[in-house]
């Protein structure tokens, strides 16, 4: 029978890997949409520059918050790993 600590550690590693892969895929998608959006907004002559600036700022803040979320989740996984050790 498998040791419960080892099983808990393997389960935690599975969830961490699943989260990392999903996060990386979502960030790749977000970067592509940001590029497309920037090209689209850049070609809109009737969109005020203030709106373009606000959209760019919004994307920057969104990406910053995603990075903070990733750090928070990684820190929590580290804490869980420490408690399972």
PDB file of N, CA and C in Angstrom:
ATOM      1  N   UNK A   1       0.835  -1.184   0.000  1.00  0.00           N
ATOM      2  CA  UNK A   1       0.000   0.000   0.000  1.00  0.00           C
ATOM      3  C   UNK A   1       0.880   1.248   0.000  1.00  0.00           C
ATOM      4  N   UNK A   2       0.473   2.233  -0.760  1.00  0.00           N
ATOM      5  CA  UNK A   2       1.262   3.442  -0.930  1.00  0.00           C
ATOM      6  C   UNK A   2       1.219   4.303   0.338  1.00  0.00           C
ATOM      7  N   UNK A   3       2.359   4.878   0.664  1.00  0.00           N
ATOM      8  CA  UNK A   3       2.462   5.783   1.803  1.00  0.00           C
ATOM      9  C   UNK A   3       1.563   7.004   1.559  1.00  0.00           C
ATOM     10  N   UNK A   4       0.804   7.403   2.565  1.00  0.00           N
ATOM     11  CA  UNK A   4      -0.151   8.502   2.408  1.00  0.00           C
ATOM     12  C   UNK A   4       0.548   9.843   2.134  1.00  0.00           C
ATOM     13  N   UNK A   5       1.716  10.060   2.731  1.00  0.00           N
ATOM     14  CA  UNK A   5       2.458  11.290   2.462  1.00  0.00           C
ATOM     15  C   UNK A   5       2.890  11.344   1.004  1.00  0.00           C
ATOM     16  N   UNK A   6       3.364  10.200   0.513  1.00  0.00           N
ATOM     17  CA  UNK A   6       3.800  10.145  -0.884  1.00  0.00           C
ATOM     18  C   UNK A   6       2.607  10.374  -1.815  1.00  0.00           C
ATOM     19  N   UNK A   7       1.482   9.792  -1.489  1.00  0.00           N
ATOM     20  CA  UNK A   7       0.276   9.977  -2.292  1.00  0.00           C
ATOM     21  C   UNK A   7      -0.160  11.448  -2.260  1.00  0.00           C
ATOM     22  N   UNK A   8      -0.132  12.058  -1.099  1.00  0.00           N
ATOM     23  CA  UNK A   8      -0.487  13.474  -0.979  1.00  0.00           C
ATOM     24  C   UNK A   8       0.452  14.360  -1.776  1.00  0.00           C
ATOM     25  N   UNK A   9       1.751  14.048  -1.723  1.00  0.00           N
ATOM     26  CA  UNK A   9       2.743  14.821  -2.470  1.00  0.00           C
ATOM     27  C   UNK A   9       2.524  14.669  -3.981  1.00  0.00           C
ATOM     28  N   UNK A  10       2.258  13.454  -4.434  1.00  0.00           N
ATOM     29  CA  UNK A  10       2.026  13.228  -5.865  1.00  0.00           C
ATOM     30  C   UNK A  10       0.755  13.934  -6.331  1.00  0.00           C
ATOM     31  N   UNK A  11      -0.270  13.919  -5.510  1.00  0.00           N
ATOM     32  CA  UNK A  11      -1.521  14.602  -5.843  1.00  0.00           C
ATOM     33  C   UNK A  11      -1.290  16.104  -5.947  1.00  0.00           C
ATOM     34  N   UNK A  12      -0.555  16.650  -4.985  1.00  0.00           N
ATOM     35  CA  UNK A  12      -0.245  18.076  -5.005  1.00  0.00           C
ATOM     36  C   UNK A  12       0.574  18.434  -6.244  1.00  0.00           C
ATOM     37  N   UNK A  13       1.534  17.618  -6.602  1.00  0.00           N
ATOM     38  CA  UNK A  13       2.347  17.856  -7.800  1.00  0.00           C
ATOM     39  C   UNK A  13       1.484  17.816  -9.060  1.00  0.00           C
ATOM     40  N   UNK A  14       0.521  16.904  -9.098  1.00  0.00           N
ATOM     41  CA  UNK A  14      -0.387  16.828 -10.237  1.00  0.00           C
ATOM     42  C   UNK A  14      -1.185  18.116 -10.369  1.00  0.00           C
ATOM     43  N   UNK A  15      -1.749  18.600  -9.263  1.00  0.00           N
ATOM     44  CA  UNK A  15      -2.537  19.829  -9.294  1.00  0.00           C
ATOM     45  C   UNK A  15      -1.677  21.036  -9.661  1.00  0.00           C
ATOM     46  N   UNK A  16      -0.452  21.083  -9.150  1.00  0.00           N
ATOM     47  CA  UNK A  16       0.441  22.188  -9.482  1.00  0.00           C
ATOM     48  C   UNK A  16       0.782  22.176 -10.964  1.00  0.00           C
ATOM     49  N   UNK A  17       1.070  21.017 -11.502  1.00  0.00           N
ATOM     50  CA  UNK A  17       1.379  20.902 -12.929  1.00  0.00           C
ATOM     51  C   UNK A  17       0.174  21.280 -13.777  1.00  0.00           C
ATOM     52  N   UNK A  18      -1.008  20.823 -13.375  1.00  0.00           N
ATOM     53  CA  UNK A  18      -2.229  21.169 -14.111  1.00  0.00           C
ATOM     54  C   UNK A  18      -2.464  22.677 -14.084  1.00  0.00           C
ATOM     55  N   UNK A  19      -2.279  23.295 -12.922  1.00  0.00           N
ATOM     56  CA  UNK A  19      -2.451  24.748 -12.826  1.00  0.00           C
ATOM     57  C   UNK A  19      -1.432  25.476 -13.686  1.00  0.00           C
ATOM     58  N   UNK A  20      -0.161  25.070 -13.589  1.00  0.00           N
ATOM     59  CA  UNK A  20       0.891  25.729 -14.370  1.00  0.00           C
ATOM     60  C   UNK A  20       0.612  25.642 -15.864  1.00  0.00           C
ATOM     61  N   UNK A  21       0.191  24.471 -16.330  1.00  0.00           N
ATOM     62  CA  UNK A  21      -0.097  24.305 -17.752  1.00  0.00           C
ATOM     63  C   UNK A  21      -1.287  25.154 -18.187  1.00  0.00           C
ATOM     64  N   UNK A  22      -2.339  25.183 -17.382  1.00  0.00           N
ATOM     65  CA  UNK A  22      -3.510  25.994 -17.709  1.00  0.00           C
ATOM     66  C   UNK A  22      -3.149  27.478 -17.694  1.00  0.00           C
ATOM     67  N   UNK A  23      -2.387  27.894 -16.707  1.00  0.00           N
ATOM     68  CA  UNK A  23      -1.968  29.302 -16.605  1.00  0.00           C
ATOM     69  C   UNK A  23      -1.134  29.703 -17.824  1.00  0.00           C
ATOM     70  N   UNK A  24      -0.167  28.860 -18.178  1.00  0.00           N
ATOM     71  CA  UNK A  24       0.683  29.167 -19.334  1.00  0.00           C
ATOM     72  C   UNK A  24      -0.141  29.270 -20.615  1.00  0.00           C
ATOM     73  N   UNK A  25      -1.100  28.377 -20.794  1.00  0.00           N
ATOM     74  CA  UNK A  25      -1.957  28.416 -21.983  1.00  0.00           C
ATOM     75  C   UNK A  25      -2.805  29.681 -21.999  1.00  0.00           C
ATOM     76  N   UNK A  26      -3.367  30.049 -20.859  1.00  0.00           N
ATOM     77  CA  UNK A  26      -4.183  31.264 -20.787  1.00  0.00           C
ATOM     78  C   UNK A  26      -3.350  32.528 -21.023  1.00  0.00           C
ATOM     79  N   UNK A  27      -2.127  32.547 -20.519  1.00  0.00           N
ATOM     80  CA  UNK A  27      -1.276  33.711 -20.736  1.00  0.00           C
ATOM     81  C   UNK A  27      -0.859  33.817 -22.201  1.00  0.00           C
ATOM     82  N   UNK A  28      -0.615  32.697 -22.846  1.00  0.00           N
ATOM     83  CA  UNK A  28      -0.295  32.709 -24.269  1.00  0.00           C
ATOM     84  C   UNK A  28      -1.483  33.246 -25.061  1.00  0.00           C
ATOM     85  N   UNK A  29      -2.680  32.778 -24.738  1.00  0.00           N
ATOM     86  CA  UNK A  29      -3.897  33.258 -25.380  1.00  0.00           C
ATOM     87  C   UNK A  29      -4.085  34.756 -25.134  1.00  0.00           C
ATOM     88  N   UNK A  30      -3.855  35.198 -23.917  1.00  0.00           N
ATOM     89  CA  UNK A  30      -4.016  36.606 -23.575  1.00  0.00           C
ATOM     90  C   UNK A  30      -3.037  37.472 -24.368  1.00  0.00           C
ATOM     91  N   UNK A  31      -1.802  37.017 -24.510  1.00  0.00           N
ATOM     92  CA  UNK A  31      -0.810  37.780 -25.260  1.00  0.00           C
ATOM     93  C   UNK A  31      -1.199  37.888 -26.735  1.00  0.00           C
ATOM     94  N   UNK A  32      -1.719  36.814 -27.296  1.00  0.00           N
ATOM     95  CA  UNK A  32      -2.159  36.850 -28.690  1.00  0.00           C
ATOM     96  C   UNK A  32      -3.340  37.798 -28.861  1.00  0.00           C
ATOM     97  N   UNK A  33      -4.287  37.749 -27.936  1.00  0.00           N
ATOM     98  CA  UNK A  33      -5.438  38.648 -28.020  1.00  0.00           C
ATOM     99  C   UNK A  33      -5.023  40.099 -27.820  1.00  0.00           C
ATOM    100  N   UNK A  34      -4.026  40.321 -26.985  1.00  0.00           N
ATOM    101  CA  UNK A  34      -3.522  41.678 -26.778  1.00  0.00           C
ATOM    102  C   UNK A  34      -2.900  42.203 -28.068  1.00  0.00           C
ATOM    103  N   UNK A  35      -2.118  41.374 -28.754  1.00  0.00           N
ATOM    104  CA  UNK A  35      -1.527  41.789 -30.026  1.00  0.00           C
ATOM    105  C   UNK A  35      -2.605  42.089 -31.067  1.00  0.00           C
ATOM    106  N   UNK A  36      -3.580  41.197 -31.164  1.00  0.00           N
ATOM    107  CA  UNK A  36      -4.664  41.412 -32.121  1.00  0.00           C
ATOM    108  C   UNK A  36      -5.464  42.669 -31.783  1.00  0.00           C
ATOM    109  N   UNK A  37      -5.761  42.832 -30.505  1.00  0.00           N
ATOM    110  CA  UNK A  37      -6.505  44.018 -30.072  1.00  0.00           C
ATOM    111  C   UNK A  37      -5.744  45.292 -30.376  1.00  0.00           C
ATOM    112  N   UNK A  38      -4.453  45.298 -30.117  1.00  0.00           N
ATOM    113  CA  UNK A  38      -3.638  46.480 -30.387  1.00  0.00           C
ATOM    114  C   UNK A  38      -3.629  46.814 -31.875  1.00  0.00           C
ATOM    115  N   UNK A  39      -3.518  45.795 -32.717  1.00  0.00           N
ATOM    116  CA  UNK A  39      -3.564  46.029 -34.165  1.00  0.00           C
ATOM    117  C   UNK A  39      -4.927  46.574 -34.574  1.00  0.00           C
ATOM    118  N   UNK A  40      -5.985  45.998 -34.026  1.00  0.00           N
ATOM    119  CA  UNK A  40      -7.346  46.420 -34.355  1.00  0.00           C
ATOM    120  C   UNK A  40      -7.592  47.857 -33.910  1.00  0.00           C
ATOM    121  N   UNK A  41      -7.243  48.158 -32.655  1.00  0.00           N
ATOM    122  CA  UNK A  41      -7.460  49.506 -32.143  1.00  0.00           C
ATOM    123  C   UNK A  41      -6.583  50.524 -32.856  1.00  0.00           C
ATOM    124  N   UNK A  42      -5.385  50.099 -33.259  1.00  0.00           N
ATOM    125  CA  UNK A  42      -4.483  50.996 -33.969  1.00  0.00           C
ATOM    126  C   UNK A  42      -5.036  51.426 -35.315  1.00  0.00           C
ATOM    127  N   UNK A  43      -5.866  50.589 -35.920  1.00  0.00           N
ATOM    128  CA  UNK A  43      -6.426  50.900 -37.234  1.00  0.00           C
ATOM    129  C   UNK A  43      -7.752  51.651 -37.149  1.00  0.00           C
ATOM    130  N   UNK A  44      -8.313  51.750 -35.966  1.00  0.00           N
ATOM    131  CA  UNK A  44      -9.593  52.453 -35.825  1.00  0.00           C
ATOM    132  C   UNK A  44      -9.332  53.955 -35.742  1.00  0.00           C
ATOM    133  N   UNK A  45      -9.704  54.659 -36.810  1.00  0.00           N
ATOM    134  CA  UNK A  45      -9.442  56.099 -36.849  1.00  0.00           C
ATOM    135  C   UNK A  45     -10.425  56.885 -35.979  1.00  0.00           C
ATOM    136  N   UNK A  46     -11.615  56.324 -35.744  1.00  0.00           N
ATOM    137  CA  UNK A  46     -12.611  57.053 -34.960  1.00  0.00           C
ATOM    138  C   UNK A  46     -12.543  56.749 -33.463  1.00  0.00           C
ATOM    139  N   UNK A  47     -11.611  55.902 -33.037  1.00  0.00           N
ATOM    140  CA  UNK A  47     -11.440  55.603 -31.618  1.00  0.00           C
ATOM    141  C   UNK A  47     -10.496  56.645 -31.012  1.00  0.00           C
ATOM    142  N   UNK A  48     -10.944  57.391 -30.025  1.00  0.00           N
ATOM    143  CA  UNK A  48     -10.088  58.430 -29.432  1.00  0.00           C
ATOM    144  C   UNK A  48      -8.808  57.846 -28.831  1.00  0.00           C
ATOM    145  N   UNK A  49      -7.758  58.638 -28.885  1.00  0.00           N
ATOM    146  CA  UNK A  49      -6.465  58.198 -28.338  1.00  0.00           C
ATOM    147  C   UNK A  49      -6.583  57.876 -26.851  1.00  0.00           C
ATOM    148  N   UNK A  50      -7.434  58.610 -26.154  1.00  0.00           N
ATOM    149  CA  UNK A  50      -7.648  58.354 -24.717  1.00  0.00           C
ATOM    150  C   UNK A  50      -8.182  56.934 -24.508  1.00  0.00           C
ATOM    151  N   UNK A  51      -9.095  56.509 -25.371  1.00  0.00           N
ATOM    152  CA  UNK A  51      -9.651  55.153 -25.263  1.00  0.00           C
ATOM    153  C   UNK A  51      -8.585  54.106 -25.557  1.00  0.00           C
ATOM    154  N   UNK A  52      -7.758  54.354 -26.562  1.00  0.00           N
ATOM    155  CA  UNK A  52      -6.665  53.425 -26.881  1.00  0.00           C
ATOM    156  C   UNK A  52      -5.702  53.314 -25.699  1.00  0.00           C
ATOM    157  N   UNK A  53      -5.400  54.468 -25.093  1.00  0.00           N
ATOM    158  CA  UNK A  53      -4.510  54.488 -23.926  1.00  0.00           C
ATOM    159  C   UNK A  53      -5.133  53.704 -22.769  1.00  0.00           C
ATOM    160  N   UNK A  54      -6.434  53.897 -22.544  1.00  0.00           N
ATOM    161  CA  UNK A  54      -7.123  53.189 -21.459  1.00  0.00           C
ATOM    162  C   UNK A  54      -7.134  51.680 -21.702  1.00  0.00           C
ATOM    163  N   UNK A  55      -7.352  51.262 -22.939  1.00  0.00           N
ATOM    164  CA  UNK A  55      -7.354  49.830 -23.264  1.00  0.00           C
ATOM    165  C   UNK A  55      -5.978  49.214 -23.046  1.00  0.00           C
ATOM    166  N   UNK A  56      -4.950  49.934 -23.452  1.00  0.00           N
ATOM    167  CA  UNK A  56      -3.580  49.450 -23.245  1.00  0.00           C
ATOM    168  C   UNK A  56      -3.266  49.350 -21.755  1.00  0.00           C
ATOM    169  N   UNK A  57      -3.678  50.353 -20.993  1.00  0.00           N
ATOM    170  CA  UNK A  57      -3.455  50.333 -19.541  1.00  0.00           C
ATOM    171  C   UNK A  57      -4.213  49.172 -18.895  1.00  0.00           C
ATOM    172  N   UNK A  58      -5.449  48.951 -19.342  1.00  0.00           N
ATOM    173  CA  UNK A  58      -6.253  47.854 -18.804  1.00  0.00           C
ATOM    174  C   UNK A  58      -5.565  46.513 -19.042  1.00  0.00           C
ATOM    175  N   UNK A  59      -5.007  46.319 -20.240  1.00  0.00           N
ATOM    176  CA  UNK A  59      -4.310  45.064 -20.537  1.00  0.00           C
ATOM    177  C   UNK A  59      -3.063  44.905 -19.677  1.00  0.00           C
ATOM    178  N   UNK A  60      -2.370  46.007 -19.419  1.00  0.00           N
ATOM    179  CA  UNK A  60      -1.174  45.964 -18.571  1.00  0.00           C
ATOM    180  C   UNK A  60      -1.536  45.577 -17.140  1.00  0.00           C
ATOM    181  N   UNK A  61      -2.593  46.180 -16.620  1.00  0.00           N
ATOM    182  CA  UNK A  61      -3.044  45.875 -15.257  1.00  0.00           C
ATOM    183  C   UNK A  61      -3.511  44.422 -15.170  1.00  0.00           C
ATOM    184  N   UNK A  62      -4.225  43.959 -16.187  1.00  0.00           N
ATOM    185  CA  UNK A  62      -4.699  42.572 -16.216  1.00  0.00           C
ATOM    186  C   UNK A  62      -3.523  41.599 -16.155  1.00  0.00           C
ATOM    187  N   UNK A  63      -2.501  41.851 -16.966  1.00  0.00           N
ATOM    188  CA  UNK A  63      -1.339  40.959 -16.987  1.00  0.00           C
ATOM    189  C   UNK A  63      -0.612  40.984 -15.639  1.00  0.00           C
ATOM    190  N   UNK A  64      -0.487  42.180 -15.051  1.00  0.00           N
ATOM    191  CA  UNK A  64       0.160  42.311 -13.734  1.00  0.00           C
ATOM    192  C   UNK A  64      -0.603  41.506 -12.682  1.00  0.00           C
ATOM    193  N   UNK A  65      -1.924  41.582 -12.710  1.00  0.00           N
ATOM    194  CA  UNK A  65      -2.730  40.827 -11.750  1.00  0.00           C
ATOM    195  C   UNK A  65      -2.625  39.324 -11.977  1.00  0.00           C
ATOM    196  N   UNK A  66      -2.502  38.901 -13.217  1.00  0.00           N
ATOM    197  CA  UNK A  66      -2.305  37.482 -13.505  1.00  0.00           C
ATOM    198  C   UNK A  66      -0.981  36.987 -12.939  1.00  0.00           C
ATOM    199  N   UNK A  67       0.057  37.807 -13.064  1.00  0.00           N
ATOM    200  CA  UNK A  67       1.372  37.448 -12.510  1.00  0.00           C
ATOM    201  C   UNK A  67       1.294  37.357 -10.985  1.00  0.00           C
ATOM    202  N   UNK A  68       0.575  38.287 -10.357  1.00  0.00           N
ATOM    203  CA  UNK A  68       0.407  38.253  -8.900  1.00  0.00           C
ATOM    204  C   UNK A  68      -0.384  37.014  -8.467  1.00  0.00           C
ATOM    205  N   UNK A  69      -1.407  36.657  -9.229  1.00  0.00           N
ATOM    206  CA  UNK A  69      -2.176  35.445  -8.931  1.00  0.00           C
ATOM    207  C   UNK A  69      -1.278  34.215  -9.005  1.00  0.00           C
ATOM    208  N   UNK A  70      -0.457  34.138 -10.039  1.00  0.00           N
ATOM    209  CA  UNK A  70       0.452  32.998 -10.204  1.00  0.00           C
ATOM    210  C   UNK A  70       1.404  32.911  -9.019  1.00  0.00           C
ATOM    211  N   UNK A  71       1.941  34.056  -8.594  1.00  0.00           N
ATOM    212  CA  UNK A  71       2.861  34.065  -7.448  1.00  0.00           C
ATOM    213  C   UNK A  71       2.146  33.591  -6.186  1.00  0.00           C
ATOM    214  N   UNK A  72       0.912  34.059  -5.975  1.00  0.00           N
ATOM    215  CA  UNK A  72       0.150  33.664  -4.796  1.00  0.00           C
ATOM    216  C   UNK A  72      -0.115  32.155  -4.805  1.00  0.00           C
ATOM    217  N   UNK A  73      -0.508  31.616  -5.942  1.00  0.00           N
ATOM    218  CA  UNK A  73      -0.783  30.187  -6.036  1.00  0.00           C
ATOM    219  C   UNK A  73       0.506  29.393  -5.829  1.00  0.00           C
ATOM    220  N   UNK A  74       1.608  29.843  -6.426  1.00  0.00           N
ATOM    221  CA  UNK A  74       2.893  29.155  -6.229  1.00  0.00           C
ATOM    222  C   UNK A  74       3.305  29.163  -4.761  1.00  0.00           C
ATOM    223  N   UNK A  75       3.118  30.297  -4.089  1.00  0.00           N
ATOM    224  CA  UNK A  75       3.447  30.380  -2.661  1.00  0.00           C
ATOM    225  C   UNK A  75       2.596  29.410  -1.841  1.00  0.00           C
ATOM    226  N   UNK A  76       1.323  29.298  -2.193  1.00  0.00           N
ATOM    227  CA  UNK A  76       0.448  28.374  -1.475  1.00  0.00           C
ATOM    228  C   UNK A  76       0.827  26.918  -1.738  1.00  0.00           C
ATOM    229  N   UNK A  77       1.239  26.613  -2.957  1.00  0.00           N
ATOM    230  CA  UNK A  77       1.709  25.253  -3.241  1.00  0.00           C
ATOM    231  C   UNK A  77       2.982  24.950  -2.445  1.00  0.00           C
ATOM    232  N   UNK A  78       3.866  25.951  -2.315  1.00  0.00           N
ATOM    233  CA  UNK A  78       5.083  25.752  -1.520  1.00  0.00           C
ATOM    234  C   UNK A  78       4.727  25.480  -0.069  1.00  0.00           C
ATOM    235  N   UNK A  79       3.759  26.231   0.465  1.00  0.00           N
ATOM    236  CA  UNK A  79       3.317  25.997   1.838  1.00  0.00           C
ATOM    237  C   UNK A  79       2.714  24.603   2.016  1.00  0.00           C
ATOM    238  N   UNK A  80       1.944  24.180   1.042  1.00  0.00           N
ATOM    239  CA  UNK A  80       1.363  22.842   1.100  1.00  0.00           C
ATOM    240  C   UNK A  80       2.440  21.780   1.028  1.00  0.00           C
ATOM    241  N   UNK A  81       3.421  22.005   0.159  1.00  0.00           N
ATOM    242  CA  UNK A  81       4.530  21.046   0.044  1.00  0.00           C
ATOM    243  C   UNK A  81       5.300  20.959   1.367  1.00  0.00           C
ATOM    244  N   UNK A  82       5.494  22.093   2.027  1.00  0.00           N
ATOM    245  CA  UNK A  82       6.194  22.107   3.310  1.00  0.00           C
ATOM    246  C   UNK A  82       5.405  21.324   4.355  1.00  0.00           C
ATOM    247  N   UNK A  83       4.086  21.486   4.333  1.00  0.00           N
ATOM    248  CA  UNK A  83       3.269  20.773   5.336  1.00  0.00           C
ATOM    249  C   UNK A  83       3.204  19.275   5.056  1.00  0.00           C
ATOM    250  N   UNK A  84       3.404  18.881   3.807  1.00  0.00           N
ATOM    251  CA  UNK A  84       3.383  17.453   3.465  1.00  0.00           C
ATOM    252  C   UNK A  84       4.737  16.783   3.701  1.00  0.00           C
ATOM    253  N   UNK A  85       5.795  17.593   3.867  1.00  0.00           N
ATOM    254  CA  UNK A  85       7.134  17.033   4.041  1.00  0.00           C
ATOM    255  C   UNK A  85       7.345  16.429   5.402  1.00  0.00           C
TER     256      UNK A  85
END
